[in-house]
């Protein structure tokens, strides 16, 4: 079992930045595909970004491309979501997720792909 703990959420104004962290348990963190999803009130959960194991290649939702950057530090068992130029529409609970298998090239944006989830961290962007 893998435990995920998110941190770094908060209240910011539009245009500001936040960095979310997700710390994972487990001895083979470098082999995990890690992703972020978010869910706004009254909306369905949506994919934000994913980073592949080992190679570290990342992919983003169109809504955050160019503003968010996902990175990983395998020595610290942690992934980071740097969020710049935040907009009110980025307001949501952000969840970290892990896929323990091979990179889901055709399904990385689907929540059902992932094996474990964190508890979420609230991000609120005021206008």
Foldseek 3Di string as FASTA:
>chain_A
DKAKAKDWADEEAAQAKIKMKIAMDDDPLLQKKKFKWWDDPPGDIWGAKIAHHPVRDMDGDPVQPPFWDWGDDVVRRMIMIIGGRDDQVVWTWMKMFIANDHPPVPDPTPPVRTDDMYPTDTHGYHD
